[in-house]
Amino acid sequence: MSVPTRSEVESIISERIAADPSFRESLNADPRAVLSEIVGFDVPQNVQVILHEESLTQIHLTIPASENLSDADLELVAGGGWGGPPSPNAC
């Protein structure tokens, strides 16, 4: 199974909320666990999972990080993917 892209994850979340409104409660209660289930691996503890819920009067935009990325970091984000689970040899 391949790792879903960010846009695929967002679509999955939107579709599940539309099909099952109680899914929103699960996502609000433990976004890390829900994200881990969707992507198919545990999101590392050093990665913050922050949930922002839009309203009719509030829109949230996500912009790329401003830090310069190393070649290894660029490889992880190439193609818009999540990068998959961390390598066992990663620092």
N, C-alpha and C. Protein backbone atom coordinates (compact mmCIF):
# COMPACT_ATOMS: atom_id res chain seq x y z
N MET A 1 0.84 -1.18 0.00
CA MET A 1 0.00 0.00 0.00
C MET A 1 0.89 1.25 0.00
N SER A 2 0.60 2.18 -0.89
CA SER A 2 1.40 3.39 -0.95
C SER A 2 0.90 4.41 0.08
N VAL A 3 1.78 5.30 0.44
CA VAL A 3 1.45 6.35 1.40
C VAL A 3 0.64 7.41 0.66
N PRO A 4 -0.52 7.80 1.20
CA PRO A 4 -1.34 8.81 0.52
C PRO A 4 -0.68 10.19 0.58
N THR A 5 -0.94 10.99 -0.44
CA THR A 5 -0.44 12.37 -0.46
C THR A 5 -1.27 13.21 0.51
N ARG A 6 -0.78 14.40 0.78
CA ARG A 6 -1.49 15.32 1.67
C ARG A 6 -2.91 15.57 1.18
N SER A 7 -3.07 15.84 -0.13
CA SER A 7 -4.40 16.11 -0.66
C SER A 7 -5.30 14.87 -0.55
N GLU A 8 -4.73 13.69 -0.71
CA GLU A 8 -5.52 12.46 -0.54
C GLU A 8 -5.96 12.30 0.91
N VAL A 9 -5.08 12.61 1.86
CA VAL A 9 -5.44 12.53 3.28
C VAL A 9 -6.57 13.51 3.57
N GLU A 10 -6.47 14.73 3.05
CA GLU A 10 -7.52 15.72 3.28
C GLU A 10 -8.84 15.25 2.68
N SER A 11 -8.80 14.63 1.50
CA SER A 11 -10.02 14.10 0.88
C SER A 11 -10.61 12.97 1.71
N ILE A 12 -9.75 12.08 2.19
CA ILE A 12 -10.22 10.97 3.03
C ILE A 12 -10.93 11.51 4.27
N ILE A 13 -10.32 12.50 4.91
CA ILE A 13 -10.91 13.09 6.12
C ILE A 13 -12.26 13.72 5.79
N SER A 14 -12.32 14.51 4.73
CA SER A 14 -13.57 15.16 4.34
C SER A 14 -14.68 14.14 4.05
N GLU A 15 -14.32 13.10 3.31
CA GLU A 15 -15.30 12.07 2.95
C GLU A 15 -15.79 11.32 4.19
N ARG A 16 -14.88 11.03 5.11
CA ARG A 16 -15.29 10.29 6.33
C ARG A 16 -16.16 11.14 7.22
N ILE A 17 -15.87 12.44 7.32
CA ILE A 17 -16.71 13.34 8.12
C ILE A 17 -18.10 13.42 7.49
N ALA A 18 -18.17 13.51 6.16
CA ALA A 18 -19.46 13.60 5.47
C ALA A 18 -20.28 12.32 5.68
N ALA A 19 -19.61 11.17 5.66
CA ALA A 19 -20.29 9.89 5.80
C ALA A 19 -20.64 9.57 7.25
N ASP A 20 -19.82 10.04 8.18
CA ASP A 20 -20.00 9.71 9.60
C ASP A 20 -19.61 10.92 10.45
N PRO A 21 -20.58 11.76 10.80
CA PRO A 21 -20.27 12.96 11.57
C PRO A 21 -19.54 12.69 12.90
N SER A 22 -19.67 11.50 13.47
CA SER A 22 -18.96 11.20 14.72
C SER A 22 -17.45 11.06 14.48
N PHE A 23 -17.06 10.88 13.22
CA PHE A 23 -15.63 10.82 12.89
C PHE A 23 -14.94 12.13 13.26
N ARG A 24 -15.66 13.25 13.12
CA ARG A 24 -15.11 14.56 13.49
C ARG A 24 -14.71 14.57 14.96
N GLU A 25 -15.54 13.96 15.81
CA GLU A 25 -15.23 13.88 17.24
C GLU A 25 -13.96 13.06 17.48
N SER A 26 -13.82 11.95 16.77
CA SER A 26 -12.62 11.12 16.91
C SER A 26 -11.38 11.90 16.48
N LEU A 27 -11.50 12.62 15.38
CA LEU A 27 -10.39 13.41 14.87
C LEU A 27 -10.01 14.51 15.87
N ASN A 28 -11.00 15.18 16.42
CA ASN A 28 -10.73 16.22 17.42
C ASN A 28 -10.12 15.64 18.69
N ALA A 29 -10.55 14.46 19.08
CA ALA A 29 -10.07 13.85 20.33
C ALA A 29 -8.62 13.38 20.21
N ASP A 30 -8.24 12.83 19.06
CA ASP A 30 -6.87 12.31 18.91
C ASP A 30 -6.44 12.38 17.44
N PRO A 31 -6.07 13.58 16.97
CA PRO A 31 -5.71 13.72 15.56
C PRO A 31 -4.51 12.87 15.15
N ARG A 32 -3.55 12.67 16.05
CA ARG A 32 -2.38 11.85 15.72
C ARG A 32 -2.79 10.41 15.42
N ALA A 33 -3.65 9.85 16.23
CA ALA A 33 -4.08 8.47 16.02
C ALA A 33 -4.86 8.32 14.72
N VAL A 34 -5.74 9.28 14.44
CA VAL A 34 -6.52 9.22 13.21
C VAL A 34 -5.62 9.37 12.00
N LEU A 35 -4.69 10.32 12.04
CA LEU A 35 -3.76 10.50 10.93
C LEU A 35 -2.91 9.25 10.73
N SER A 36 -2.43 8.67 11.82
CA SER A 36 -1.63 7.44 11.73
C SER A 36 -2.42 6.32 11.05
N GLU A 37 -3.68 6.21 11.40
CA GLU A 37 -4.52 5.18 10.78
C GLU A 37 -4.67 5.43 9.29
N ILE A 38 -4.86 6.68 8.90
CA ILE A 38 -5.06 7.02 7.49
C ILE A 38 -3.80 6.78 6.67
N VAL A 39 -2.64 7.20 7.17
CA VAL A 39 -1.41 7.07 6.39
C VAL A 39 -0.80 5.68 6.48
N GLY A 40 -1.21 4.90 7.47
CA GLY A 40 -0.76 3.52 7.55
C GLY A 40 0.50 3.29 8.36
N PHE A 41 0.95 4.28 9.12
CA PHE A 41 2.10 4.12 10.02
C PHE A 41 1.97 5.13 11.14
N ASP A 42 2.66 4.88 12.25
CA ASP A 42 2.63 5.80 13.38
C ASP A 42 3.37 7.08 13.02
N VAL A 43 2.69 8.21 13.21
CA VAL A 43 3.33 9.50 12.99
C VAL A 43 4.34 9.69 14.12
N PRO A 44 5.60 9.98 13.80
CA PRO A 44 6.63 10.11 14.84
C PRO A 44 6.25 11.14 15.90
N GLN A 45 6.63 10.88 17.14
CA GLN A 45 6.30 11.78 18.24
C GLN A 45 6.93 13.15 18.09
N ASN A 46 8.02 13.26 17.34
CA ASN A 46 8.64 14.57 17.17
C ASN A 46 7.95 15.41 16.09
N VAL A 47 6.90 14.87 15.48
CA VAL A 47 6.09 15.60 14.50
C VAL A 47 4.80 16.04 15.19
N GLN A 48 4.59 17.35 15.24
CA GLN A 48 3.36 17.87 15.84
C GLN A 48 2.21 17.68 14.86
N VAL A 49 1.07 17.24 15.37
CA VAL A 49 -0.15 17.13 14.57
C VAL A 49 -1.12 18.15 15.16
N ILE A 50 -1.36 19.20 14.40
CA ILE A 50 -2.21 20.30 14.87
C ILE A 50 -3.44 20.35 13.98
N LEU A 51 -4.59 20.31 14.59
CA LEU A 51 -5.85 20.31 13.87
C LEU A 51 -6.42 21.72 13.86
N HIS A 52 -6.78 22.21 12.69
CA HIS A 52 -7.43 23.51 12.53
C HIS A 52 -8.77 23.25 11.87
N GLU A 53 -9.83 23.70 12.48
CA GLU A 53 -11.16 23.51 11.91
C GLU A 53 -11.66 24.84 11.37
N GLU A 54 -11.96 24.89 10.08
CA GLU A 54 -12.48 26.10 9.47
C GLU A 54 -13.93 26.31 9.86
N SER A 55 -14.38 27.54 9.69
CA SER A 55 -15.78 27.86 9.88
C SER A 55 -16.24 28.66 8.67
N LEU A 56 -17.49 29.08 8.68
CA LEU A 56 -17.99 29.87 7.56
C LEU A 56 -17.31 31.23 7.48
N THR A 57 -16.75 31.69 8.59
CA THR A 57 -16.13 33.01 8.61
C THR A 57 -14.61 32.96 8.81
N GLN A 58 -14.02 31.76 8.74
CA GLN A 58 -12.60 31.62 8.99
C GLN A 58 -12.02 30.57 8.04
N ILE A 59 -10.95 30.93 7.34
CA ILE A 59 -10.29 30.03 6.41
C ILE A 59 -8.84 29.85 6.85
N HIS A 60 -8.35 28.62 6.82
CA HIS A 60 -6.96 28.32 7.18
C HIS A 60 -6.19 27.97 5.92
N LEU A 61 -5.06 28.62 5.70
CA LEU A 61 -4.19 28.32 4.58
C LEU A 61 -2.89 27.73 5.13
N THR A 62 -2.38 26.74 4.44
CA THR A 62 -1.10 26.13 4.83
C THR A 62 -0.07 26.53 3.80
N ILE A 63 1.05 27.06 4.28
CA ILE A 63 2.13 27.46 3.39
C ILE A 63 3.37 26.63 3.70
N PRO A 64 4.26 26.48 2.74
CA PRO A 64 5.47 25.69 2.99
C PRO A 64 6.34 26.29 4.08
N ALA A 65 7.16 25.46 4.69
CA ALA A 65 8.09 25.91 5.72
C ALA A 65 9.06 26.92 5.11
N SER A 66 9.49 27.87 5.91
CA SER A 66 10.40 28.90 5.41
C SER A 66 11.86 28.51 5.54
N GLU A 67 12.16 27.47 6.30
CA GLU A 67 13.54 27.05 6.48
C GLU A 67 14.08 26.45 5.19
N ASN A 68 15.38 26.57 4.97
CA ASN A 68 16.01 25.91 3.84
C ASN A 68 16.05 24.41 4.12
N LEU A 69 15.63 23.62 3.14
CA LEU A 69 15.61 22.17 3.29
C LEU A 69 16.87 21.55 2.72
N SER A 70 17.36 20.51 3.39
CA SER A 70 18.51 19.77 2.87
C SER A 70 18.05 18.91 1.70
N ASP A 71 18.98 18.37 0.94
CA ASP A 71 18.63 17.48 -0.16
C ASP A 71 17.83 16.28 0.34
N ALA A 72 18.20 15.76 1.51
CA ALA A 72 17.47 14.62 2.08
C ALA A 72 16.04 15.01 2.42
N ASP A 73 15.85 16.22 2.99
CA ASP A 73 14.50 16.70 3.30
C ASP A 73 13.69 16.88 2.03
N LEU A 74 14.33 17.43 0.99
CA LEU A 74 13.64 17.63 -0.27
C LEU A 74 13.18 16.30 -0.87
N GLU A 75 14.00 15.26 -0.72
CA GLU A 75 13.62 13.94 -1.21
C GLU A 75 12.36 13.44 -0.50
N LEU A 76 12.25 13.75 0.79
CA LEU A 76 11.09 13.29 1.56
C LEU A 76 9.80 13.94 1.09
N VAL A 77 9.86 15.20 0.66
CA VAL A 77 8.64 15.91 0.29
C VAL A 77 8.42 15.96 -1.21
N ALA A 78 9.33 15.44 -2.01
CA ALA A 78 9.17 15.47 -3.46
C ALA A 78 7.88 14.78 -3.86
N GLY A 79 7.10 15.43 -4.69
CA GLY A 79 5.84 14.85 -5.15
C GLY A 79 4.70 15.06 -4.20
N GLY A 80 4.89 15.77 -3.10
CA GLY A 80 3.80 16.08 -2.19
C GLY A 80 3.43 14.95 -1.26
N GLY A 81 4.22 13.89 -1.18
CA GLY A 81 3.91 12.77 -0.31
C GLY A 81 4.26 13.04 1.13
N TRP A 82 3.88 12.15 1.99
CA TRP A 82 4.16 12.28 3.42
C TRP A 82 5.56 11.77 3.75
N GLY A 83 6.20 11.08 2.82
CA GLY A 83 7.54 10.60 3.06
C GLY A 83 7.59 9.20 3.63
N GLY A 84 6.48 8.67 4.09
CA GLY A 84 6.46 7.33 4.64
C GLY A 84 7.03 7.26 6.04
N PRO A 85 7.04 6.08 6.60
CA PRO A 85 7.58 5.94 7.96
C PRO A 85 9.07 6.24 7.97
N PRO A 86 9.57 6.70 9.11
CA PRO A 86 11.00 7.02 9.18
C PRO A 86 11.85 5.77 9.01
N SER A 87 13.00 5.97 8.44
CA SER A 87 13.96 4.88 8.27
C SER A 87 14.47 4.44 9.63
N PRO A 88 14.69 3.15 9.84
CA PRO A 88 15.22 2.70 11.13
C PRO A 88 16.61 3.28 11.41
N ASN A 89 17.31 3.73 10.36
CA ASN A 89 18.65 4.31 10.54
C ASN A 89 18.63 5.81 10.68
N ALA A 90 17.43 6.42 10.67
CA ALA A 90 17.33 7.88 10.75
C ALA A 90 17.71 8.36 12.15
N CYS A 91 18.22 9.58 12.20
CA CYS A 91 18.62 10.16 13.49
C CYS A 91 17.42 10.74 14.18
